[in-house]
């Protein structure tokens, strides 16, 4: 399994507030993604994809990748087993 990218939720939320965005709608518009995508990534229901990452880095400039995201090594990603379903 390849490495994955995880949102640094606390840092992301702080950057959003510092940038002056007061709603997921305004942020999503500036990122050029759907509002539901912002909410789902922030809640951990969806991994950030290329469009989300690029949009976040554009909308939240001068933040950089490592400020908002972390790379999670494949061996530390837990996959659900039968007991989780």
N, C-alpha and C. Protein backbone atom coordinates (compact mmCIF):
# COMPACT_ATOMS: atom_id res chain seq x y z
N UNK A 1 0.85 -1.18 0.00
CA UNK A 1 0.00 0.00 0.00
C UNK A 1 0.89 1.24 0.00
N UNK A 2 0.59 2.22 -0.83
CA UNK A 2 1.42 3.43 -0.91
C UNK A 2 1.20 4.36 0.28
N UNK A 3 2.10 5.31 0.45
CA UNK A 3 1.93 6.33 1.47
C UNK A 3 0.67 7.13 1.18
N UNK A 4 0.11 7.77 2.21
CA UNK A 4 -1.06 8.61 2.04
C UNK A 4 -0.78 10.01 2.59
N UNK A 5 -1.66 10.91 2.27
CA UNK A 5 -1.54 12.29 2.74
C UNK A 5 -2.71 12.56 3.69
N UNK A 6 -2.38 13.15 4.82
CA UNK A 6 -3.39 13.46 5.83
C UNK A 6 -3.39 14.96 6.10
N UNK A 7 -4.57 15.50 6.27
CA UNK A 7 -4.73 16.91 6.60
C UNK A 7 -4.32 17.14 8.05
N UNK A 8 -3.54 18.18 8.31
CA UNK A 8 -3.26 18.61 9.68
C UNK A 8 -4.43 19.51 10.06
N UNK A 9 -5.48 18.91 10.60
CA UNK A 9 -6.76 19.59 10.80
C UNK A 9 -6.64 20.85 11.64
N UNK A 10 -5.92 20.81 12.75
CA UNK A 10 -5.81 22.00 13.61
C UNK A 10 -5.10 23.14 12.87
N UNK A 11 -4.00 22.82 12.23
CA UNK A 11 -3.24 23.84 11.49
C UNK A 11 -4.07 24.38 10.33
N UNK A 12 -4.81 23.50 9.66
CA UNK A 12 -5.64 23.92 8.54
C UNK A 12 -6.72 24.89 9.01
N UNK A 13 -7.41 24.55 10.09
CA UNK A 13 -8.48 25.41 10.60
C UNK A 13 -7.93 26.77 11.02
N UNK A 14 -6.77 26.80 11.67
CA UNK A 14 -6.14 28.07 12.06
C UNK A 14 -5.79 28.90 10.83
N UNK A 15 -5.25 28.26 9.81
CA UNK A 15 -4.88 28.97 8.58
C UNK A 15 -6.12 29.54 7.91
N UNK A 16 -7.21 28.79 7.92
CA UNK A 16 -8.46 29.25 7.32
C UNK A 16 -8.96 30.51 8.04
N UNK A 17 -8.94 30.49 9.35
CA UNK A 17 -9.40 31.65 10.12
C UNK A 17 -8.49 32.85 9.91
N UNK A 18 -7.18 32.62 9.91
CA UNK A 18 -6.23 33.71 9.69
C UNK A 18 -6.37 34.32 8.31
N UNK A 19 -6.76 33.49 7.34
CA UNK A 19 -6.95 33.98 5.97
C UNK A 19 -8.28 34.74 5.82
N UNK A 20 -9.12 34.69 6.84
CA UNK A 20 -10.36 35.45 6.82
C UNK A 20 -11.58 34.71 6.31
N UNK A 21 -11.46 33.42 6.08
CA UNK A 21 -12.62 32.64 5.61
C UNK A 21 -13.49 32.32 6.81
N UNK A 22 -14.78 32.63 6.70
CA UNK A 22 -15.70 32.41 7.82
C UNK A 22 -16.68 31.27 7.56
N UNK A 23 -16.59 30.66 6.38
CA UNK A 23 -17.49 29.55 6.06
C UNK A 23 -16.78 28.57 5.14
N UNK A 24 -17.25 27.32 5.19
CA UNK A 24 -16.73 26.31 4.26
C UNK A 24 -17.04 26.70 2.82
N UNK A 25 -18.17 27.38 2.63
CA UNK A 25 -18.56 27.79 1.28
C UNK A 25 -17.54 28.76 0.69
N UNK A 26 -17.18 29.79 1.46
CA UNK A 26 -16.21 30.77 0.97
C UNK A 26 -14.85 30.14 0.72
N UNK A 27 -14.45 29.27 1.62
CA UNK A 27 -13.17 28.57 1.45
C UNK A 27 -13.21 27.69 0.22
N UNK A 28 -14.27 26.91 0.07
CA UNK A 28 -14.40 26.01 -1.07
C UNK A 28 -14.37 26.77 -2.38
N UNK A 29 -15.02 27.93 -2.41
CA UNK A 29 -15.03 28.75 -3.62
C UNK A 29 -13.61 29.21 -3.95
N UNK A 30 -12.86 29.64 -2.94
CA UNK A 30 -11.48 30.09 -3.16
C UNK A 30 -10.57 28.94 -3.56
N UNK A 31 -10.90 27.73 -3.10
CA UNK A 31 -10.10 26.54 -3.42
C UNK A 31 -10.53 25.91 -4.74
N UNK A 32 -11.69 26.32 -5.27
CA UNK A 32 -12.26 25.75 -6.49
C UNK A 32 -12.58 24.27 -6.33
N UNK A 33 -13.17 23.93 -5.17
CA UNK A 33 -13.67 22.58 -4.90
C UNK A 33 -15.07 22.70 -4.31
N UNK A 34 -15.78 21.60 -4.20
CA UNK A 34 -17.11 21.60 -3.60
C UNK A 34 -17.02 21.82 -2.09
N UNK A 35 -18.03 22.47 -1.54
CA UNK A 35 -18.08 22.69 -0.10
C UNK A 35 -18.08 21.36 0.65
N UNK A 36 -18.78 20.38 0.11
CA UNK A 36 -18.82 19.08 0.76
C UNK A 36 -17.45 18.42 0.80
N UNK A 37 -16.62 18.70 -0.19
CA UNK A 37 -15.26 18.15 -0.20
C UNK A 37 -14.46 18.72 0.95
N UNK A 38 -14.59 20.02 1.17
CA UNK A 38 -13.88 20.65 2.30
C UNK A 38 -14.32 20.00 3.61
N UNK A 39 -15.61 19.87 3.81
CA UNK A 39 -16.13 19.29 5.04
C UNK A 39 -15.69 17.84 5.21
N UNK A 40 -15.75 17.06 4.15
CA UNK A 40 -15.40 15.64 4.24
C UNK A 40 -13.92 15.43 4.51
N UNK A 41 -13.06 16.23 3.90
CA UNK A 41 -11.62 16.12 4.17
C UNK A 41 -11.34 16.57 5.60
N UNK A 42 -11.92 17.68 6.02
CA UNK A 42 -11.69 18.18 7.37
C UNK A 42 -12.16 17.18 8.43
N UNK A 43 -13.27 16.51 8.18
CA UNK A 43 -13.81 15.54 9.12
C UNK A 43 -13.09 14.19 9.07
N UNK A 44 -12.21 14.01 8.10
CA UNK A 44 -11.48 12.75 7.98
C UNK A 44 -12.21 11.68 7.21
N UNK A 45 -13.32 12.05 6.58
CA UNK A 45 -14.09 11.08 5.80
C UNK A 45 -13.52 10.87 4.41
N UNK A 46 -12.64 11.75 3.98
CA UNK A 46 -12.06 11.71 2.64
C UNK A 46 -10.61 12.15 2.72
N UNK A 47 -9.73 11.45 2.03
CA UNK A 47 -8.33 11.87 1.96
C UNK A 47 -8.21 13.03 0.99
N UNK A 48 -7.34 13.99 1.30
CA UNK A 48 -7.17 15.11 0.38
C UNK A 48 -6.54 14.65 -0.93
N UNK A 49 -7.16 15.03 -2.03
CA UNK A 49 -6.63 14.71 -3.35
C UNK A 49 -5.87 15.90 -3.92
N UNK A 50 -5.42 15.74 -5.13
CA UNK A 50 -4.59 16.76 -5.77
C UNK A 50 -5.32 18.11 -5.88
N UNK A 51 -6.60 18.11 -6.26
CA UNK A 51 -7.34 19.36 -6.40
C UNK A 51 -7.50 20.04 -5.05
N UNK A 52 -7.76 19.27 -4.01
CA UNK A 52 -7.91 19.84 -2.66
C UNK A 52 -6.59 20.44 -2.19
N UNK A 53 -5.52 19.71 -2.36
CA UNK A 53 -4.21 20.18 -1.92
C UNK A 53 -3.81 21.45 -2.67
N UNK A 54 -3.95 21.43 -3.99
CA UNK A 54 -3.60 22.61 -4.79
C UNK A 54 -4.48 23.80 -4.41
N UNK A 55 -5.77 23.56 -4.21
CA UNK A 55 -6.68 24.63 -3.83
C UNK A 55 -6.35 25.20 -2.47
N UNK A 56 -6.02 24.34 -1.53
CA UNK A 56 -5.67 24.80 -0.19
C UNK A 56 -4.40 25.64 -0.22
N UNK A 57 -3.40 25.19 -0.95
CA UNK A 57 -2.15 25.93 -1.02
C UNK A 57 -2.33 27.27 -1.73
N UNK A 58 -3.26 27.35 -2.67
CA UNK A 58 -3.55 28.60 -3.36
C UNK A 58 -4.34 29.55 -2.46
N UNK A 59 -5.41 29.05 -1.86
CA UNK A 59 -6.29 29.88 -1.04
C UNK A 59 -5.64 30.31 0.27
N UNK A 60 -4.75 29.48 0.79
CA UNK A 60 -4.15 29.75 2.09
C UNK A 60 -2.69 30.18 2.01
N UNK A 61 -2.31 30.71 0.85
CA UNK A 61 -0.96 31.21 0.67
C UNK A 61 -0.66 32.24 1.76
N UNK A 62 0.45 32.24 2.41
CA UNK A 62 1.74 31.63 2.10
C UNK A 62 1.99 30.28 2.76
N UNK A 63 0.93 29.61 3.24
CA UNK A 63 1.11 28.29 3.85
C UNK A 63 1.72 27.35 2.81
N UNK A 64 2.53 26.43 3.30
CA UNK A 64 3.18 25.44 2.43
C UNK A 64 2.64 24.06 2.75
N UNK A 65 2.95 23.13 1.87
CA UNK A 65 2.44 21.76 2.00
C UNK A 65 2.63 21.21 3.41
N UNK A 66 3.84 21.27 3.92
CA UNK A 66 4.13 20.67 5.23
C UNK A 66 3.43 21.38 6.39
N UNK A 67 2.94 22.61 6.16
CA UNK A 67 2.19 23.31 7.18
C UNK A 67 0.78 22.75 7.33
N UNK A 68 0.21 22.27 6.23
CA UNK A 68 -1.19 21.85 6.21
C UNK A 68 -1.42 20.35 6.09
N UNK A 69 -0.39 19.63 5.63
CA UNK A 69 -0.54 18.20 5.35
C UNK A 69 0.65 17.43 5.90
N UNK A 70 0.42 16.15 6.12
CA UNK A 70 1.53 15.27 6.50
C UNK A 70 1.44 14.00 5.66
N UNK A 71 2.60 13.43 5.39
CA UNK A 71 2.66 12.17 4.67
C UNK A 71 2.67 11.06 5.70
N UNK A 72 1.73 10.14 5.56
CA UNK A 72 1.60 9.03 6.48
C UNK A 72 2.17 7.79 5.80
N UNK A 73 3.23 7.20 6.37
CA UNK A 73 3.81 5.99 5.77
C UNK A 73 2.79 4.86 5.69
N UNK A 74 2.88 4.09 4.66
CA UNK A 74 1.92 3.01 4.40
C UNK A 74 1.81 2.05 5.57
N UNK A 75 2.90 1.74 6.22
CA UNK A 75 2.85 0.76 7.30
C UNK A 75 2.11 1.27 8.53
N UNK A 76 1.85 2.58 8.64
CA UNK A 76 1.14 3.10 9.80
C UNK A 76 -0.34 3.33 9.54
N UNK A 77 -0.77 3.08 8.31
CA UNK A 77 -2.18 3.23 7.96
C UNK A 77 -2.90 1.95 8.33
N UNK A 78 -3.89 2.06 9.20
CA UNK A 78 -4.63 0.89 9.66
C UNK A 78 -5.82 0.68 8.72
N UNK A 79 -5.96 -0.51 8.23
CA UNK A 79 -7.11 -0.84 7.39
C UNK A 79 -8.18 -1.49 8.26
N UNK A 80 -9.45 -1.19 8.02
CA UNK A 80 -10.52 -1.78 8.83
C UNK A 80 -10.56 -3.29 8.68
N UNK A 81 -10.80 -3.97 9.79
CA UNK A 81 -10.98 -5.41 9.71
C UNK A 81 -12.48 -5.74 9.91
N UNK A 82 -12.79 -6.99 9.93
CA UNK A 82 -14.19 -7.41 10.03
C UNK A 82 -14.87 -6.89 11.29
N UNK A 83 -14.13 -6.69 12.37
CA UNK A 83 -14.72 -6.21 13.64
C UNK A 83 -15.13 -4.75 13.55
N UNK A 84 -14.58 -3.99 12.60
CA UNK A 84 -14.90 -2.56 12.46
C UNK A 84 -16.16 -2.33 11.63
N UNK A 85 -16.67 -3.35 11.01
CA UNK A 85 -17.81 -3.16 10.11
C UNK A 85 -19.10 -3.34 10.79
